Amino acid sequence: MGVSLTESAAQHVAGQLTSRGKGLGIRLGVTTSGCSGMAYVLEFVDELQNEDRVFEDFGVKVFIDPKSLVYLEGTELDFVKEGLNEGLQFRNPNVSAECGCGESFTV
Protein backbone atom coordinates (compact mmCIF):
# COMPACT_ATOMS: atom_id res chain seq x y z
CA MET A 1 0.00 0.00 0.00
CA GLY A 2 2.70 2.52 0.95
CA VAL A 3 2.29 6.29 0.98
CA SER A 4 0.85 8.42 -1.81
CA LEU A 5 0.67 12.03 -2.97
CA THR A 6 -2.26 13.73 -4.63
CA GLU A 7 -1.48 15.64 -7.79
CA SER A 8 -1.73 18.98 -5.96
CA ALA A 9 0.68 17.78 -3.23
CA ALA A 10 3.13 16.54 -5.86
CA GLN A 11 2.98 19.89 -7.68
CA HIS A 12 3.58 21.76 -4.42
CA VAL A 13 6.56 19.59 -3.43
CA ALA A 14 8.02 19.75 -6.95
CA GLY A 15 7.78 23.55 -6.82
CA GLN A 16 9.55 23.62 -3.44
CA LEU A 17 12.31 21.37 -4.76
CA THR A 18 12.72 23.60 -7.83
CA SER A 19 12.91 26.72 -5.65
CA ARG A 20 15.45 25.01 -3.44
CA GLY A 21 17.55 24.07 -6.47
CA LYS A 22 18.31 20.51 -5.40
CA GLY A 23 16.83 17.44 -3.76
CA LEU A 24 15.63 13.94 -4.58
CA GLY A 25 12.26 14.40 -2.87
CA ILE A 26 10.91 14.66 0.67
CA ARG A 27 11.29 12.48 3.74
CA LEU A 28 8.17 11.80 5.78
CA GLY A 29 8.58 10.42 9.26
CA VAL A 30 7.09 10.46 12.73
CA THR A 31 8.53 11.50 16.06
CA THR A 32 7.34 11.34 19.64
CA SER A 33 5.85 14.74 20.35
CA GLY A 34 2.82 16.79 21.27
CA CYS A 35 -0.12 16.10 23.51
CA SER A 36 -1.32 13.08 21.53
CA GLY A 37 2.02 11.29 21.33
CA MET A 38 3.27 11.49 17.73
CA ALA A 39 3.91 14.21 15.15
CA TYR A 40 4.77 14.21 11.46
CA VAL A 41 8.24 15.25 10.35
CA LEU A 42 8.97 16.50 6.82
CA GLU A 43 12.36 17.35 5.35
CA PHE A 44 14.06 17.54 1.99
CA VAL A 45 16.13 14.54 0.88
CA ASP A 46 19.48 15.05 -0.81
CA GLU A 47 20.82 11.50 -0.36
CA LEU A 48 19.14 8.11 -0.28
CA GLN A 49 19.65 6.16 2.96
CA ASN A 50 20.10 2.38 2.70
CA GLU A 51 17.01 1.62 4.79
CA ASP A 52 14.71 4.07 2.96
CA ARG A 53 11.50 2.91 1.36
CA VAL A 54 10.69 5.09 -1.65
CA PHE A 55 7.24 5.85 -3.02
CA GLU A 56 6.57 7.99 -6.09
CA ASP A 57 3.52 9.79 -7.45
CA PHE A 58 3.38 12.31 -10.30
CA GLY A 59 7.18 12.29 -10.52
CA VAL A 60 7.77 13.21 -6.85
CA LYS A 61 9.47 10.80 -4.45
CA VAL A 62 8.60 10.32 -0.78
CA PHE A 63 11.26 8.62 1.37
CA ILE A 64 10.28 6.83 4.59
CA ASP A 65 12.34 4.95 7.13
CA PRO A 66 11.01 1.49 8.11
CA LYS A 67 10.20 2.51 11.70
CA SER A 68 7.98 5.38 10.54
CA LEU A 69 6.33 3.34 7.79
CA VAL A 70 4.55 1.25 10.44
CA TYR A 71 2.60 4.39 11.45
CA LEU A 72 2.30 5.87 7.94
CA GLU A 73 1.19 2.89 5.85
CA GLY A 74 -1.71 3.99 3.65
CA THR A 75 -1.22 7.73 4.27
CA GLU A 76 -2.09 10.17 1.49
CA LEU A 77 -0.51 13.63 1.40
CA ASP A 78 -2.61 16.38 -0.10
CA PHE A 79 -1.96 20.09 -0.58
CA VAL A 80 -4.99 22.04 0.58
CA LYS A 81 -5.91 25.72 0.37
CA GLU A 82 -8.60 26.88 2.81
CA GLY A 83 -9.15 30.62 2.75
CA LEU A 84 -5.84 32.28 3.55
CA ASN A 85 -4.33 29.04 4.87
CA GLU A 86 -2.57 26.46 2.77
CA GLY A 87 -0.40 23.47 3.48
CA LEU A 88 0.14 19.75 3.33
CA GLN A 89 -2.59 17.64 4.87
CA PHE A 90 -2.02 14.07 6.05
CA ARG A 91 -4.81 11.56 5.52
CA ASN A 92 -3.56 8.71 7.69
CA PRO A 93 -5.92 5.75 8.12
CA ASN A 94 -3.94 4.58 11.17
CA VAL A 95 -4.78 7.62 13.31
CA SER A 96 -7.16 6.88 16.16
CA ALA A 97 -7.13 10.39 17.72
CA GLU A 98 -5.67 13.85 17.13
CA CYS A 99 -4.99 16.71 19.51
CA GLY A 100 -7.20 19.77 19.35
CA CYS A 101 -4.59 21.87 17.51
CA GLY A 102 -3.95 19.14 14.92
CA GLU A 103 -0.21 19.04 15.55
CA SER A 104 0.00 15.52 16.97
CA PHE A 105 -1.82 12.20 16.73
CA THR A 106 -2.26 8.75 18.25
CA VAL A 107 -2.35 5.43 16.42
PDB file of N, CA and C in Angstrom:
ATOM      1  N   MET A   1       0.831  -1.188   0.000  1.00  0.00           N
ATOM      2  CA  MET A   1       0.000   0.000   0.000  1.00  0.00           C
ATOM      3  C   MET A   1       0.875   1.251   0.000  1.00  0.00           C
ATOM      4  N   GLY A   2       1.758   1.412   0.951  1.00  0.00           N
ATOM      5  CA  GLY A   2       2.697   2.525   0.950  1.00  0.00           C
ATOM      6  C   GLY A   2       2.091   3.859   1.303  1.00  0.00           C
ATOM      7  N   VAL A   3       2.692   4.910   0.766  1.00  0.00           N
ATOM      8  CA  VAL A   3       2.291   6.294   0.981  1.00  0.00           C
ATOM      9  C   VAL A   3       2.111   6.934  -0.379  1.00  0.00           C
ATOM     10  N   SER A   4       1.112   7.811  -0.503  1.00  0.00           N
ATOM     11  CA  SER A   4       0.852   8.422  -1.809  1.00  0.00           C
ATOM     12  C   SER A   4       0.710   9.933  -1.694  1.00  0.00           C
ATOM     13  N   LEU A   5       0.851  10.590  -2.837  1.00  0.00           N
ATOM     14  CA  LEU A   5       0.671  12.031  -2.969  1.00  0.00           C
ATOM     15  C   LEU A   5      -0.464  12.296  -3.933  1.00  0.00           C
ATOM     16  N   THR A   6      -1.293  13.289  -3.631  1.00  0.00           N
ATOM     17  CA  THR A   6      -2.257  13.735  -4.626  1.00  0.00           C
ATOM     18  C   THR A   6      -1.496  14.562  -5.655  1.00  0.00           C
ATOM     19  N   GLU A   7      -2.134  14.841  -6.756  1.00  0.00           N
ATOM     20  CA  GLU A   7      -1.478  15.640  -7.785  1.00  0.00           C
ATOM     21  C   GLU A   7      -1.125  17.027  -7.268  1.00  0.00           C
ATOM     22  N   SER A   8      -2.017  17.639  -6.478  1.00  0.00           N
ATOM     23  CA  SER A   8      -1.730  18.979  -5.958  1.00  0.00           C
ATOM     24  C   SER A   8      -0.567  18.948  -4.962  1.00  0.00           C
ATOM     25  N   ALA A   9      -0.454  17.904  -4.157  1.00  0.00           N
ATOM     26  CA  ALA A   9       0.678  17.783  -3.233  1.00  0.00           C
ATOM     27  C   ALA A   9       1.976  17.601  -4.012  1.00  0.00           C
ATOM     28  N   ALA A  10       1.934  16.774  -5.046  1.00  0.00           N
ATOM     29  CA  ALA A  10       3.128  16.543  -5.860  1.00  0.00           C
ATOM     30  C   ALA A  10       3.574  17.837  -6.536  1.00  0.00           C
ATOM     31  N   GLN A  11       2.634  18.624  -7.042  1.00  0.00           N
ATOM     32  CA  GLN A  11       2.978  19.893  -7.680  1.00  0.00           C
ATOM     33  C   GLN A  11       3.603  20.861  -6.675  1.00  0.00           C
ATOM     34  N   HIS A  12       3.045  20.885  -5.469  1.00  0.00           N
ATOM     35  CA  HIS A  12       3.584  21.761  -4.424  1.00  0.00           C
ATOM     36  C   HIS A  12       5.012  21.360  -4.054  1.00  0.00           C
ATOM     37  N   VAL A  13       5.226  20.075  -3.807  1.00  0.00           N
ATOM     38  CA  VAL A  13       6.559  19.589  -3.432  1.00  0.00           C
ATOM     39  C   VAL A  13       7.552  19.820  -4.565  1.00  0.00           C
ATOM     40  N   ALA A  14       7.133  19.536  -5.799  1.00  0.00           N
ATOM     41  CA  ALA A  14       8.019  19.753  -6.953  1.00  0.00           C
ATOM     42  C   ALA A  14       8.422  21.226  -7.048  1.00  0.00           C
ATOM     43  N   GLY A  15       7.482  22.125  -6.798  1.00  0.00           N
ATOM     44  CA  GLY A  15       7.783  23.551  -6.816  1.00  0.00           C
ATOM     45  C   GLY A  15       8.774  23.936  -5.725  1.00  0.00           C
ATOM     46  N   GLN A  16       8.618  23.347  -4.548  1.00  0.00           N
ATOM     47  CA  GLN A  16       9.547  23.617  -3.445  1.00  0.00           C
ATOM     48  C   GLN A  16      10.944  23.107  -3.776  1.00  0.00           C
ATOM     49  N   LEU A  17      11.015  21.926  -4.371  1.00  0.00           N
ATOM     50  CA  LEU A  17      12.310  21.370  -4.755  1.00  0.00           C
ATOM     51  C   LEU A  17      12.975  22.224  -5.832  1.00  0.00           C
ATOM     52  N   THR A  18      12.193  22.724  -6.778  1.00  0.00           N
ATOM     53  CA  THR A  18      12.725  23.598  -7.828  1.00  0.00           C
ATOM     54  C   THR A  18      13.246  24.895  -7.223  1.00  0.00           C
ATOM     55  N   SER A  19      12.469  25.489  -6.313  1.00  0.00           N
ATOM     56  CA  SER A  19      12.905  26.722  -5.653  1.00  0.00           C
ATOM     57  C   SER A  19      14.177  26.502  -4.852  1.00  0.00           C
ATOM     58  N   ARG A  20      14.282  25.352  -4.252  1.00  0.00           N
ATOM     59  CA  ARG A  20      15.450  25.013  -3.442  1.00  0.00           C
ATOM     60  C   ARG A  20      16.680  24.779  -4.313  1.00  0.00           C
ATOM     61  N   GLY A  21      16.454  24.288  -5.530  1.00  0.00           N
ATOM     62  CA  GLY A  21      17.549  24.074  -6.468  1.00  0.00           C
ATOM     63  C   GLY A  21      18.208  22.716  -6.395  1.00  0.00           C
ATOM     64  N   LYS A  22      17.766  21.862  -5.493  1.00  0.00           N
ATOM     65  CA  LYS A  22      18.313  20.513  -5.397  1.00  0.00           C
ATOM     66  C   LYS A  22      17.373  19.659  -4.558  1.00  0.00           C
ATOM     67  N   GLY A  23      17.609  18.356  -4.584  1.00  0.00           N
ATOM     68  CA  GLY A  23      16.832  17.441  -3.763  1.00  0.00           C
ATOM     69  C   GLY A  23      16.241  16.309  -4.574  1.00  0.00           C
ATOM     70  N   LEU A  24      16.201  15.130  -3.954  1.00  0.00           N
ATOM     71  CA  LEU A  24      15.628  13.943  -4.580  1.00  0.00           C
ATOM     72  C   LEU A  24      14.133  13.833  -4.324  1.00  0.00           C
ATOM     73  N   GLY A  25      13.658  14.484  -3.268  1.00  0.00           N
ATOM     74  CA  GLY A  25      12.258  14.397  -2.869  1.00  0.00           C
ATOM     75  C   GLY A  25      12.121  14.846  -1.431  1.00  0.00           C
ATOM     76  N   ILE A  26      11.109  14.315  -0.736  1.00  0.00           N
ATOM     77  CA  ILE A  26      10.906  14.660   0.669  1.00  0.00           C
ATOM     78  C   ILE A  26      10.920  13.399   1.517  1.00  0.00           C
ATOM     79  N   ARG A  27      11.323  13.568   2.769  1.00  0.00           N
ATOM     80  CA  ARG A  27      11.290  12.483   3.739  1.00  0.00           C
ATOM     81  C   ARG A  27      10.118  12.750   4.680  1.00  0.00           C
ATOM     82  N   LEU A  28       9.289  11.736   4.848  1.00  0.00           N
ATOM     83  CA  LEU A  28       8.175  11.801   5.782  1.00  0.00           C
ATOM     84  C   LEU A  28       8.458  10.816   6.899  1.00  0.00           C
ATOM     85  N   GLY A  29       8.349  11.279   8.114  1.00  0.00           N
ATOM     86  CA  GLY A  29       8.582  10.419   9.262  1.00  0.00           C
ATOM     87  C   GLY A  29       7.679  10.817  10.405  1.00  0.00           C
ATOM     88  N   VAL A  30       7.828  10.131  11.515  1.00  0.00           N
ATOM     89  CA  VAL A  30       7.094  10.458  12.730  1.00  0.00           C
ATOM     90  C   VAL A  30       8.087  10.559  13.877  1.00  0.00           C
ATOM     91  N   THR A  31       7.727  11.360  14.863  1.00  0.00           N
ATOM     92  CA  THR A  31       8.534  11.502  16.059  1.00  0.00           C
ATOM     93  C   THR A  31       7.602  11.567  17.261  1.00  0.00           C
ATOM     94  N   THR A  32       8.113  11.226  18.415  1.00  0.00           N
ATOM     95  CA  THR A  32       7.340  11.336  19.637  1.00  0.00           C
ATOM     96  C   THR A  32       7.254  12.807  20.001  1.00  0.00           C
ATOM     97  N   SER A  33       6.015  13.311  20.119  1.00  0.00           N
ATOM     98  CA  SER A  33       5.852  14.739  20.354  1.00  0.00           C
ATOM     99  C   SER A  33       4.397  15.070  20.619  1.00  0.00           C
ATOM    100  N   GLY A  34       4.168  16.256  21.141  1.00  0.00           N
ATOM    101  CA  GLY A  34       2.823  16.790  21.271  1.00  0.00           C
ATOM    102  C   GLY A  34       1.990  16.125  22.341  1.00  0.00           C
ATOM    103  N   CYS A  35       0.768  16.595  22.454  1.00  0.00           N
ATOM    104  CA  CYS A  35      -0.116  16.105  23.505  1.00  0.00           C
ATOM    105  C   CYS A  35      -0.761  14.768  23.165  1.00  0.00           C
ATOM    106  N   SER A  36      -0.724  14.361  21.895  1.00  0.00           N
ATOM    107  CA  SER A  36      -1.320  13.077  21.526  1.00  0.00           C
ATOM    108  C   SER A  36      -0.278  11.981  21.318  1.00  0.00           C
ATOM    109  N   GLY A  37       0.996  12.316  21.362  1.00  0.00           N
ATOM    110  CA  GLY A  37       2.023  11.289  21.326  1.00  0.00           C
ATOM    111  C   GLY A  37       2.937  11.256  20.129  1.00  0.00           C
ATOM    112  N   MET A  38       2.440  11.558  18.923  1.00  0.00           N
ATOM    113  CA  MET A  38       3.271  11.491  17.729  1.00  0.00           C
ATOM    114  C   MET A  38       3.008  12.702  16.847  1.00  0.00           C
ATOM    115  N   ALA A  39       4.040  13.091  16.092  1.00  0.00           N
ATOM    116  CA  ALA A  39       3.910  14.213  15.154  1.00  0.00           C
ATOM    117  C   ALA A  39       4.616  13.850  13.857  1.00  0.00           C
ATOM    118  N   TYR A  40       4.143  14.426  12.763  1.00  0.00           N
ATOM    119  CA  TYR A  40       4.765  14.214  11.458  1.00  0.00           C
ATOM    120  C   TYR A  40       6.027  15.070  11.347  1.00  0.00           C
ATOM    121  N   VAL A  41       7.004  14.535  10.625  1.00  0.00           N
ATOM    122  CA  VAL A  41       8.238  15.253  10.353  1.00  0.00           C
ATOM    123  C   VAL A  41       8.458  15.215   8.841  1.00  0.00           C
ATOM    124  N   LEU A  42       8.691  16.386   8.251  1.00  0.00           N
ATOM    125  CA  LEU A  42       8.969  16.499   6.817  1.00  0.00           C
ATOM    126  C   LEU A  42      10.301  17.201   6.626  1.00  0.00           C
ATOM    127  N   GLU A  43      11.101  16.699   5.697  1.00  0.00           N
ATOM    128  CA  GLU A  43      12.356  17.354   5.350  1.00  0.00           C
ATOM    129  C   GLU A  43      12.735  17.000   3.925  1.00  0.00           C
ATOM    130  N   PHE A  44      13.568  17.816   3.329  1.00  0.00           N
ATOM    131  CA  PHE A  44      14.057  17.536   1.993  1.00  0.00           C
ATOM    132  C   PHE A  44      15.086  16.413   2.047  1.00  0.00           C
ATOM    133  N   VAL A  45      15.166  15.640   0.976  1.00  0.00           N
ATOM    134  CA  VAL A  45      16.128  14.540   0.885  1.00  0.00           C
ATOM    135  C   VAL A  45      17.136  14.858  -0.214  1.00  0.00           C
ATOM    136  N   ASP A  46      18.410  14.843   0.162  1.00  0.00           N
ATOM    137  CA  ASP A  46      19.477  15.050  -0.805  1.00  0.00           C
ATOM    138  C   ASP A  46      20.228  13.759  -1.095  1.00  0.00           C
ATOM    139  N   GLU A  47      20.151  12.788  -0.174  1.00  0.00           N
ATOM    140  CA  GLU A  47      20.824  11.499  -0.362  1.00  0.00           C
ATOM    141  C   GLU A  47      19.930  10.366   0.121  1.00  0.00           C
ATOM    142  N   LEU A  48      19.890   9.308  -0.636  1.00  0.00           N
ATOM    143  CA  LEU A  48      19.141   8.111  -0.275  1.00  0.00           C
ATOM    144  C   LEU A  48      19.861   7.389   0.857  1.00  0.00           C
ATOM    145  N   GLN A  49      19.114   6.977   1.874  1.00  0.00           N
ATOM    146  CA  GLN A  49      19.655   6.160   2.957  1.00  0.00           C
ATOM    147  C   GLN A  49      19.367   4.696   2.625  1.00  0.00           C
ATOM    148  N   ASN A  50      20.245   3.793   3.032  1.00  0.00           N
ATOM    149  CA  ASN A  50      20.097   2.375   2.702  1.00  0.00           C
ATOM    150  C   ASN A  50      18.759   1.785   3.117  1.00  0.00           C
ATOM    151  N   GLU A  51      18.244   2.212   4.274  1.00  0.00           N
ATOM    152  CA  GLU A  51      17.007   1.625   4.795  1.00  0.00           C
ATOM    153  C   GLU A  51      15.739   2.279   4.240  1.00  0.00           C
ATOM    154  N   ASP A  52      15.869   3.345   3.465  1.00  0.00           N
ATOM    155  CA  ASP A  52      14.707   4.072   2.959  1.00  0.00           C
ATOM    156  C   ASP A  52      13.799   3.212   2.096  1.00  0.00           C
ATOM    157  N   ARG A  53      12.503   3.406   2.297  1.00  0.00           N
ATOM    158  CA  ARG A  53      11.497   2.915   1.362  1.00  0.00           C
ATOM    159  C   ARG A  53      11.104   4.132   0.538  1.00  0.00           C
ATOM    160  N   VAL A  54      10.968   3.960  -0.769  1.00  0.00           N
ATOM    161  CA  VAL A  54      10.694   5.086  -1.653  1.00  0.00           C
ATOM    162  C   VAL A  54       9.374   4.855  -2.379  1.00  0.00           C
ATOM    163  N   PHE A  55       8.521   5.870  -2.335  1.00  0.00           N
ATOM    164  CA  PHE A  55       7.239   5.846  -3.023  1.00  0.00           C
ATOM    165  C   PHE A  55       7.211   7.056  -3.954  1.00  0.00           C
ATOM    166  N   GLU A  56       6.571   6.901  -5.111  1.00  0.00           N
ATOM    167  CA  GLU A  56       6.570   7.992  -6.086  1.00  0.00           C
ATOM    168  C   GLU A  56       5.197   8.162  -6.707  1.00  0.00           C
ATOM    169  N   ASP A  57       4.758   9.413  -6.769  1.00  0.00           N
ATOM    170  CA  ASP A  57       3.520   9.785  -7.451  1.00  0.00           C
ATOM    171  C   ASP A  57       3.762  11.066  -8.226  1.00  0.00           C
ATOM    172  N   PHE A  58       3.296  11.116  -9.449  1.00  0.00           N
ATOM    173  CA  PHE A  58       3.382  12.314 -10.296  1.00  0.00           C
ATOM    174  C   PHE A  58       4.816  12.834 -10.375  1.00  0.00           C
ATOM    175  N   GLY A  59       5.784  11.918 -10.371  1.00  0.00           N
ATOM    176  CA  GLY A  59       7.180  12.287 -10.521  1.00  0.00           C
ATOM    177  C   GLY A  59       7.865  12.785  -9.261  1.00  0.00           C
ATOM    178  N   VAL A  60       7.191  12.744  -8.121  1.00  0.00           N
ATOM    179  CA  VAL A  60       7.770  13.207  -6.852  1.00  0.00           C
ATOM    180  C   VAL A  60       7.950  12.004  -5.921  1.00  0.00           C
ATOM    181  N   LYS A  61       9.140  11.921  -5.320  1.00  0.00           N
ATOM    182  CA  LYS A  61       9.469  10.800  -4.446  1.00  0.00           C
ATOM    183  C   LYS A  61       9.299  11.166  -2.980  1.00  0.00           C
ATOM    184  N   VAL A  62       8.743  10.203  -2.229  1.00  0.00           N
ATOM    185  CA  VAL A  62       8.605  10.316  -0.780  1.00  0.00           C
ATOM    186  C   VAL A  62       9.438   9.198  -0.172  1.00  0.00           C
ATOM    187  N   PHE A  63      10.360   9.558   0.723  1.00  0.00           N
ATOM    188  CA  PHE A  63      11.259   8.616   1.371  1.00  0.00           C
ATOM    189  C   PHE A  63      10.794   8.413   2.807  1.00  0.00           C
ATOM    190  N   ILE A  64      10.745   7.143   3.236  1.00  0.00           N
ATOM    191  CA  ILE A  64      10.282   6.834   4.590  1.00  0.00           C
ATOM    192  C   ILE A  64      11.168   5.762   5.185  1.00  0.00           C
ATOM    193  N   ASP A  65      11.567   5.985   6.445  1.00  0.00           N
ATOM    194  CA  ASP A  65      12.341   4.954   7.131  1.00  0.00           C
ATOM    195  C   ASP A  65      11.385   3.853   7.606  1.00  0.00           C
ATOM    196  N   PRO A  66      11.877   2.619   7.747  1.00  0.00           N
ATOM    197  CA  PRO A  66      11.009   1.492   8.105  1.00  0.00           C
ATOM    198  C   PRO A  66      10.261   1.676   9.422  1.00  0.00           C
ATOM    199  N   LYS A  67      10.864   2.317  10.414  1.00  0.00           N
ATOM    200  CA  LYS A  67      10.195   2.509  11.704  1.00  0.00           C
ATOM    201  C   LYS A  67       8.991   3.432  11.571  1.00  0.00           C
ATOM    202  N   SER A  68       9.100   4.461  10.750  1.00  0.00           N
ATOM    203  CA  SER A  68       7.983   5.383  10.543  1.00  0.00           C
ATOM    204  C   SER A  68       6.903   4.777   9.666  1.00  0.00           C
ATOM    205  N   LEU A  69       7.295   3.914   8.733  1.00  0.00           N
ATOM    206  CA  LEU A  69       6.328   3.336   7.794  1.00  0.00           C
ATOM    207  C   LEU A  69       5.232   2.566   8.517  1.00  0.00           C
ATOM    208  N   VAL A  70       5.546   1.973   9.647  1.00  0.00           N
ATOM    209  CA  VAL A  70       4.547   1.246  10.437  1.00  0.00           C
ATOM    210  C   VAL A  70       3.367   2.165  10.774  1.00  0.00           C
ATOM    211  N   TYR A  71       3.639   3.430  11.067  1.00  0.00           N
ATOM    212  CA  TYR A  71       2.601   4.392  11.447  1.00  0.00           C
ATOM    213  C   TYR A  71       2.016   5.143  10.252  1.00  0.00           C
ATOM    214  N   LEU A  72       2.694   5.075   9.108  1.00  0.00           N
ATOM    215  CA  LEU A  72       2.302   5.868   7.943  1.00  0.00           C
ATOM    216  C   LEU A  72       1.695   5.054   6.804  1.00  0.00           C
ATOM    217  N   GLU A  73       1.707   3.754   6.908  1.00  0.00           N
ATOM    218  CA  GLU A  73       1.188   2.886   5.845  1.00  0.00           C
ATOM    219  C   GLU A  73      -0.220   3.320   5.442  1.00  0.00           C
ATOM    220  N   GLY A  74      -0.398   3.599   4.167  1.00  0.00           N
ATOM    221  CA  GLY A  74      -1.708   3.993   3.647  1.00  0.00           C
ATOM    222  C   GLY A  74      -1.971   5.490   3.675  1.00  0.00           C
ATOM    223  N   THR A  75      -1.031   6.283   4.159  1.00  0.00           N
ATOM    224  CA  THR A  75      -1.219   7.732   4.268  1.00  0.00           C
ATOM    225  C   THR A  75      -1.185   8.386   2.891  1.00  0.00           C
ATOM    226  N   GLU A  76      -2.069   9.354   2.701  1.00  0.00           N
ATOM    227  CA  GLU A  76      -2.090  10.167   1.494  1.00  0.00           C
ATOM    228  C   GLU A  76      -1.785  11.608   1.889  1.00  0.00           C
ATOM    229  N   LEU A  77      -0.824  12.217   1.201  1.00  0.00           N
ATOM    230  CA  LEU A  77      -0.505  13.629   1.405  1.00  0.00           C
ATOM    231  C   LEU A  77      -1.239  14.439   0.357  1.00  0.00           C
ATOM    232  N   ASP A  78      -1.892  15.490   0.803  1.00  0.00           N
ATOM    233  CA  ASP A  78      -2.614  16.378  -0.099  1.00  0.00           C
ATOM    234  C   ASP A  78      -2.181  17.809   0.202  1.00  0.00           C
ATOM    235  N   PHE A  79      -2.232  18.669  -0.787  1.00  0.00           N
ATOM    236  CA  PHE A  79      -1.960  20.088  -0.581  1.00  0.00           C
ATOM    237  C   PHE A  79      -3.299  20.800  -0.659  1.00  0.00           C
ATOM    238  N   VAL A  80      -3.659  21.461   0.445  1.00  0.00           N
ATOM    239  CA  VAL A  80      -4.993  22.037   0.584  1.00  0.00           C
ATOM    240  C   VAL A  80      -4.897  23.537   0.824  1.00  0.00           C
ATOM    241  N   LYS A  81      -5.771  24.282   0.137  1.00  0.00           N
ATOM    242  CA  LYS A  81      -5.905  25.721   0.371  1.00  0.00           C
ATOM    243  C   LYS A  81      -7.294  25.949   0.956  1.00  0.00           C
ATOM    244  N   GLU A  82      -7.327  26.564   2.156  1.00  0.00           N
ATOM    245  CA  GLU A  82      -8.596  26.880   2.811  1.00  0.00           C
ATOM    246  C   GLU A  82      -8.547  28.340   3.233  1.00  0.00           C
ATOM    247  N   GLY A  83      -9.203  29.193   2.466  1.00  0.00           N
ATOM    248  CA  GLY A  83      -9.151  30.620   2.750  1.00  0.00           C
ATOM    249  C   GLY A  83      -7.736  31.136   2.569  1.00  0.00           C
ATOM    250  N   LEU A  84      -7.186  31.760   3.610  1.00  0.00           N
ATOM    251  CA  LEU A  84      -5.835  32.284   3.553  1.00  0.00           C
ATOM    252  C   LEU A  84      -4.791  31.241   3.945  1.00  0.00           C
ATOM    253  N   ASN A  85      -5.248  30.094   4.431  1.00  0.00           N
ATOM    254  CA  ASN A  85      -4.334  29.043   4.874  1.00  0.00           C
ATOM    255  C   ASN A  85      -4.105  28.021   3.773  1.00  0.00           C
ATOM    256  N   GLU A  86      -2.885  27.531   3.705  1.00  0.00           N
ATOM    257  CA  GLU A  86      -2.570  26.459   2.770  1.00  0.00           C
ATOM    258  C   GLU A  86      -1.454  25.622   3.360  1.00  0.00           C
ATOM    259  N   GLY A  87      -1.456  24.337   2.990  1.00  0.00           N
ATOM    260  CA  GLY A  87      -0.396  23.471   3.479  1.00  0.00           C
ATOM    261  C   GLY A  87      -0.679  22.014   3.177  1.00  0.00           C
ATOM    262  N   LEU A  88       0.288  21.187   3.527  1.00  0.00           N
ATOM    263  CA  LEU A  88       0.136  19.752   3.327  1.00  0.00           C
ATOM    264  C   LEU A  88      -0.789  19.182   4.398  1.00  0.00           C
ATOM    265  N   GLN A  89      -1.657  18.312   3.971  1.00  0.00           N
ATOM    266  CA  GLN A  89      -2.594  17.638   4.872  1.00  0.00           C
ATOM    267  C   GLN A  89      -2.311  16.145   4.802  1.00  0.00           C
ATOM    268  N   PHE A  90      -2.298  15.495   5.957  1.00  0.00           N
ATOM    269  CA  PHE A  90      -2.016  14.070   6.047  1.00  0.00           C
ATOM    270  C   PHE A  90      -3.319  13.316   6.263  1.00  0.00           C
ATOM    271  N   ARG A  91      -3.633  12.415   5.360  1.00  0.00           N
ATOM    272  CA  ARG A  91      -4.809  11.556   5.518  1.00  0.00           C
ATOM    273  C   ARG A  91      -4.283  10.163   5.876  1.00  0.00           C
ATOM    274  N   ASN A  92      -4.172   9.933   7.177  1.00  0.00           N
ATOM    275  CA  ASN A  92      -3.557   8.714   7.694  1.00  0.00           C
ATOM    276  C   ASN A  92      -4.630   7.804   8.268  1.00  0.00           C
ATOM    277  N   PRO A  93      -4.872   6.646   7.637  1.00  0.00           N
ATOM    278  CA  PRO A  93      -5.920   5.746   8.116  1.00  0.00           C
ATOM    279  C   PRO A  93      -5.582   5.081   9.452  1.00  0.00           C
ATOM    280  N   ASN A  94      -4.360   5.202   9.917  1.00  0.00           N
ATOM    281  CA  ASN A  94      -3.939   4.579  11.172  1.00  0.00           C
ATOM    282  C   ASN A  94      -4.224   5.436  12.394  1.00  0.00           C
ATOM    283  N   VAL A  95      -4.569   6.702  12.197  1.00  0.00           N
ATOM    284  CA  VAL A  95      -4.781   7.625  13.310  1.00  0.00           C
ATOM    285  C   VAL A  95      -6.080   7.289  14.033  1.00  0.00           C
ATOM    286  N   SER A  96      -5.968   7.143  15.361  1.00  0.00           N
ATOM    287  CA  SER A  96      -7.165   6.878  16.163  1.00  0.00           C
ATOM    288  C   SER A  96      -7.653   8.139  16.875  1.00  0.00           C
ATOM    289  N   ALA A  97      -6.754   9.127  17.074  1.00  0.00           N
ATOM    290  CA  ALA A  97      -7.133  10.390  17.717  1.00  0.00           C
ATOM    291  C   ALA A  97      -6.105  11.452  17.359  1.00  0.00           C
ATOM    292  N   GLU A  98      -6.556  12.709  17.370  1.00  0.00           N
ATOM    293  CA  GLU A  98      -5.667  13.849  17.131  1.00  0.00           C
ATOM    294  C   GLU A  98      -5.880  14.856  18.245  1.00  0.00           C
ATOM    295  N   CYS A  99      -4.833  15.637  18.505  1.00  0.00           N
ATOM    296  CA  CYS A  99      -4.995  16.706  19.510  1.00  0.00           C
ATOM    297  C   CYS A  99      -5.848  17.812  18.925  1.00  0.00           C
ATOM    298  N   GLY A 100      -6.312  18.695  19.763  1.00  0.00           N
ATOM    299  CA  GLY A 100      -7.199  19.775  19.346  1.00  0.00           C
ATOM    300  C   GLY A 100      -6.568  20.725  18.338  1.00  0.00           C
ATOM    301  N   CYS A 101      -5.246  20.941  18.430  1.00  0.00           N
ATOM    302  CA  CYS A 101      -4.591  21.873  17.509  1.00  0.00           C
ATOM    303  C   CYS A 101      -4.186  21.187  16.208  1.00  0.00           C
ATOM    304  N   GLY A 102      -4.281  19.874  16.143  1.00  0.00           N
ATOM    305  CA  GLY A 102      -3.954  19.143  14.923  1.00  0.00           C
ATOM    306  C   GLY A 102      -2.480  18.902  14.704  1.00  0.00           C
ATOM    307  N   GLU A 103      -1.643  19.186  15.698  1.00  0.00           N
ATOM    308  CA  GLU A 103      -0.212  19.042  15.549  1.00  0.00           C
ATOM    309  C   GLU A 103       0.301  17.637  15.868  1.00  0.00           C
ATOM    310  N   SER A 104      -0.470  16.865  16.615  1.00  0.00           N
ATOM    311  CA  SER A 104      -0.002  15.518  16.966  1.00  0.00           C
ATOM    312  C   SER A 104      -1.169  14.540  16.880  1.00  0.00           C
ATOM    313  N   PHE A 105      -0.812  13.241  16.906  1.00  0.00           N
ATOM    314  CA  PHE A 105      -1.818  12.196  16.726  1.00  0.00           C
ATOM    315  C   PHE A 105      -1.453  10.945  17.505  1.00  0.00           C
ATOM    316  N   THR A 106      -2.433  10.051  17.608  1.00  0.00           N
ATOM    317  CA  THR A 106      -2.260   8.750  18.251  1.00  0.00           C
ATOM    318  C   THR A 106      -2.683   7.679  17.271  1.00  0.00           C
ATOM    319  N   VAL A 107      -1.949   6.565  17.264  1.00  0.00           N
ATOM    320  CA  VAL A 107      -2.350   5.429  16.422  1.00  0.00           C
ATOM    321  C   VAL A 107      -2.760   4.266  17.299  1.00  0.00           C
TER     322      VAL A 107
END
